[in-house]
Amino acid sequence: MPRIRLLPDRELGLLARFAAWWSKRKLGKVPGPLRVVAHSSALLRAVGGFEFAAEKLTKVDPKIMCLASLRTSTLVGCPF
């Protein structure tokens, strides 16, 4: 059981619903961290801005980015 309650679809605000739609389109499902971050709209905007900026990053070779993402996920125990 998570320590912070995951917001169900009916409790998501407008920005969180858009983020849920976008992530469902890209990932096939809405990840739990998005439902946790949706408790605070300011935090959701900040995390969303970071994610979009990281996605547009072109100075690093995509293979290196993929390896770094995989290593980071392994270190923190993230299934994504």
C-alpha atoms as a PDB file:
ATOM      1  CA  MET A   1       0.000   0.000   0.000  1.00  0.00           C
ATOM      2  CA  PRO A   2       1.484   3.370  -0.962  1.00  0.00           C
ATOM      3  CA  ARG A   3       1.974   5.957   1.754  1.00  0.00           C
ATOM      4  CA  ILE A   4       0.310   8.646  -0.357  1.00  0.00           C
ATOM      5  CA  ARG A   5      -3.095   7.845  -1.824  1.00  0.00           C
ATOM      6  CA  LEU A   6      -3.238   7.525  -5.620  1.00  0.00           C
ATOM      7  CA  LEU A   7      -5.930   9.811  -6.988  1.00  0.00           C
ATOM      8  CA  PRO A   8      -8.643   8.051  -8.993  1.00  0.00           C
ATOM      9  CA  ASP A   9      -9.664   9.417 -12.402  1.00  0.00           C
ATOM     10  CA  ARG A  10     -12.729  11.228 -11.057  1.00  0.00           C
ATOM     11  CA  GLU A  11     -10.614  13.299  -8.625  1.00  0.00           C
ATOM     12  CA  LEU A  12      -8.006  14.476 -11.138  1.00  0.00           C
ATOM     13  CA  GLY A  13      -7.996  18.161 -12.041  1.00  0.00           C
ATOM     14  CA  LEU A  14      -7.901  19.492 -15.586  1.00  0.00           C
ATOM     15  CA  LEU A  15      -4.092  19.548 -15.845  1.00  0.00           C
ATOM     16  CA  ALA A  16      -3.789  16.106 -14.265  1.00  0.00           C
ATOM     17  CA  ARG A  17      -6.399  14.691 -16.665  1.00  0.00           C
ATOM     18  CA  PHE A  18      -4.402  16.044 -19.594  1.00  0.00           C
ATOM     19  CA  ALA A  19      -1.201  14.536 -18.163  1.00  0.00           C
ATOM     20  CA  ALA A  20      -3.003  11.207 -17.623  1.00  0.00           C
ATOM     21  CA  TRP A  21      -4.278  11.228 -21.206  1.00  0.00           C
ATOM     22  CA  TRP A  22      -0.797  12.041 -22.516  1.00  0.00           C
ATOM     23  CA  SER A  23       0.923   9.331 -20.491  1.00  0.00           C
ATOM     24  CA  LYS A  24      -1.742   6.780 -21.402  1.00  0.00           C
ATOM     25  CA  ARG A  25      -1.144   7.649 -25.052  1.00  0.00           C
ATOM     26  CA  LYS A  26       2.643   7.325 -24.733  1.00  0.00           C
ATOM     27  CA  LEU A  27       2.960   4.489 -22.179  1.00  0.00           C
ATOM     28  CA  GLY A  28      -0.314   2.625 -22.502  1.00  0.00           C
ATOM     29  CA  LYS A  29      -1.295   3.301 -18.879  1.00  0.00           C
ATOM     30  CA  VAL A  30      -1.240   6.034 -16.260  1.00  0.00           C
ATOM     31  CA  PRO A  31       1.737   5.488 -13.934  1.00  0.00           C
ATOM     32  CA  GLY A  32       1.235   5.669 -10.182  1.00  0.00           C
ATOM     33  CA  PRO A  33       3.714   8.532  -9.641  1.00  0.00           C
ATOM     34  CA  LEU A  34       1.549  10.758 -11.842  1.00  0.00           C
ATOM     35  CA  ARG A  35      -1.446  10.061  -9.614  1.00  0.00           C
ATOM     36  CA  VAL A  36       0.651  10.948  -6.545  1.00  0.00           C
ATOM     37  CA  VAL A  37       2.058  14.169  -8.038  1.00  0.00           C
ATOM     38  CA  ALA A  38      -1.485  15.168  -9.068  1.00  0.00           C
ATOM     39  CA  HIS A  39      -2.205  16.099  -5.434  1.00  0.00           C
ATOM     40  CA  SER A  40      -0.345  19.384  -6.076  1.00  0.00           C
ATOM     41  CA  SER A  41      -0.887  21.251  -9.337  1.00  0.00           C
ATOM     42  CA  ALA A  42       2.339  23.257  -8.863  1.00  0.00           C
ATOM     43  CA  LEU A  43       4.344  20.068  -8.440  1.00  0.00           C
ATOM     44  CA  LEU A  44       2.584  18.522 -11.433  1.00  0.00           C
ATOM     45  CA  ARG A  45       3.539  21.526 -13.586  1.00  0.00           C
ATOM     46  CA  ALA A  46       7.158  21.365 -12.390  1.00  0.00           C
ATOM     47  CA  VAL A  47       7.511  17.629 -12.995  1.00  0.00           C
ATOM     48  CA  GLY A  48       5.761  17.935 -16.365  1.00  0.00           C
ATOM     49  CA  GLY A  49       8.060  20.752 -17.428  1.00  0.00           C
ATOM     50  CA  PHE A  50      11.104  18.718 -16.435  1.00  0.00           C
ATOM     51  CA  GLU A  51       9.831  15.649 -18.312  1.00  0.00           C
ATOM     52  CA  PHE A  52       9.154  17.622 -21.507  1.00  0.00           C
ATOM     53  CA  ALA A  53      12.565  19.329 -21.289  1.00  0.00           C
ATOM     54  CA  ALA A  54      14.321  16.011 -20.729  1.00  0.00           C
ATOM     55  CA  GLU A  55      12.469  14.523 -23.698  1.00  0.00           C
ATOM     56  CA  LYS A  56      13.698  17.329 -25.961  1.00  0.00           C
ATOM     57  CA  LEU A  57      17.317  16.920 -24.846  1.00  0.00           C
ATOM     58  CA  THR A  58      19.467  16.390 -27.947  1.00  0.00           C
ATOM     59  CA  LYS A  59      23.023  17.053 -26.745  1.00  0.00           C
ATOM     60  CA  VAL A  60      23.450  13.500 -25.458  1.00  0.00           C
ATOM     61  CA  ASP A  61      23.477  10.438 -27.709  1.00  0.00           C
ATOM     62  CA  PRO A  62      20.100   8.621 -27.459  1.00  0.00           C
ATOM     63  CA  LYS A  63      21.845   5.311 -26.690  1.00  0.00           C
ATOM     64  CA  ILE A  64      23.637   6.888 -23.733  1.00  0.00           C
ATOM     65  CA  MET A  65      20.369   8.437 -22.516  1.00  0.00           C
ATOM     66  CA  CYS A  66      18.685   5.039 -22.692  1.00  0.00           C
ATOM     67  CA  LEU A  67      21.517   3.390 -20.742  1.00  0.00           C
ATOM     68  CA  ALA A  68      21.470   6.158 -18.119  1.00  0.00           C
ATOM     69  CA  SER A  69      17.697   5.818 -17.755  1.00  0.00           C
ATOM     70  CA  LEU A  70      17.976   2.051 -17.371  1.00  0.00           C
ATOM     71  CA  ARG A  71      20.752   2.359 -14.775  1.00  0.00           C
ATOM     72  CA  THR A  72      18.848   4.976 -12.805  1.00  0.00           C
ATOM     73  CA  SER A  73      15.703   2.845 -12.839  1.00  0.00           C
ATOM     74  CA  THR A  74      17.719  -0.125 -11.607  1.00  0.00           C
ATOM     75  CA  LEU A  75      19.266   1.898  -8.781  1.00  0.00           C
ATOM     76  CA  VAL A  76      15.962   3.249  -7.465  1.00  0.00           C
ATOM     77  CA  GLY A  77      13.957   0.082  -8.118  1.00  0.00           C
ATOM     78  CA  CYS A  78      11.562   1.637 -10.636  1.00  0.00           C
ATOM     79  CA  PRO A  79       9.756  -0.863 -12.918  1.00  0.00           C
ATOM     80  CA  PHE A  80       9.611   1.645 -15.794  1.00  0.00           C
END
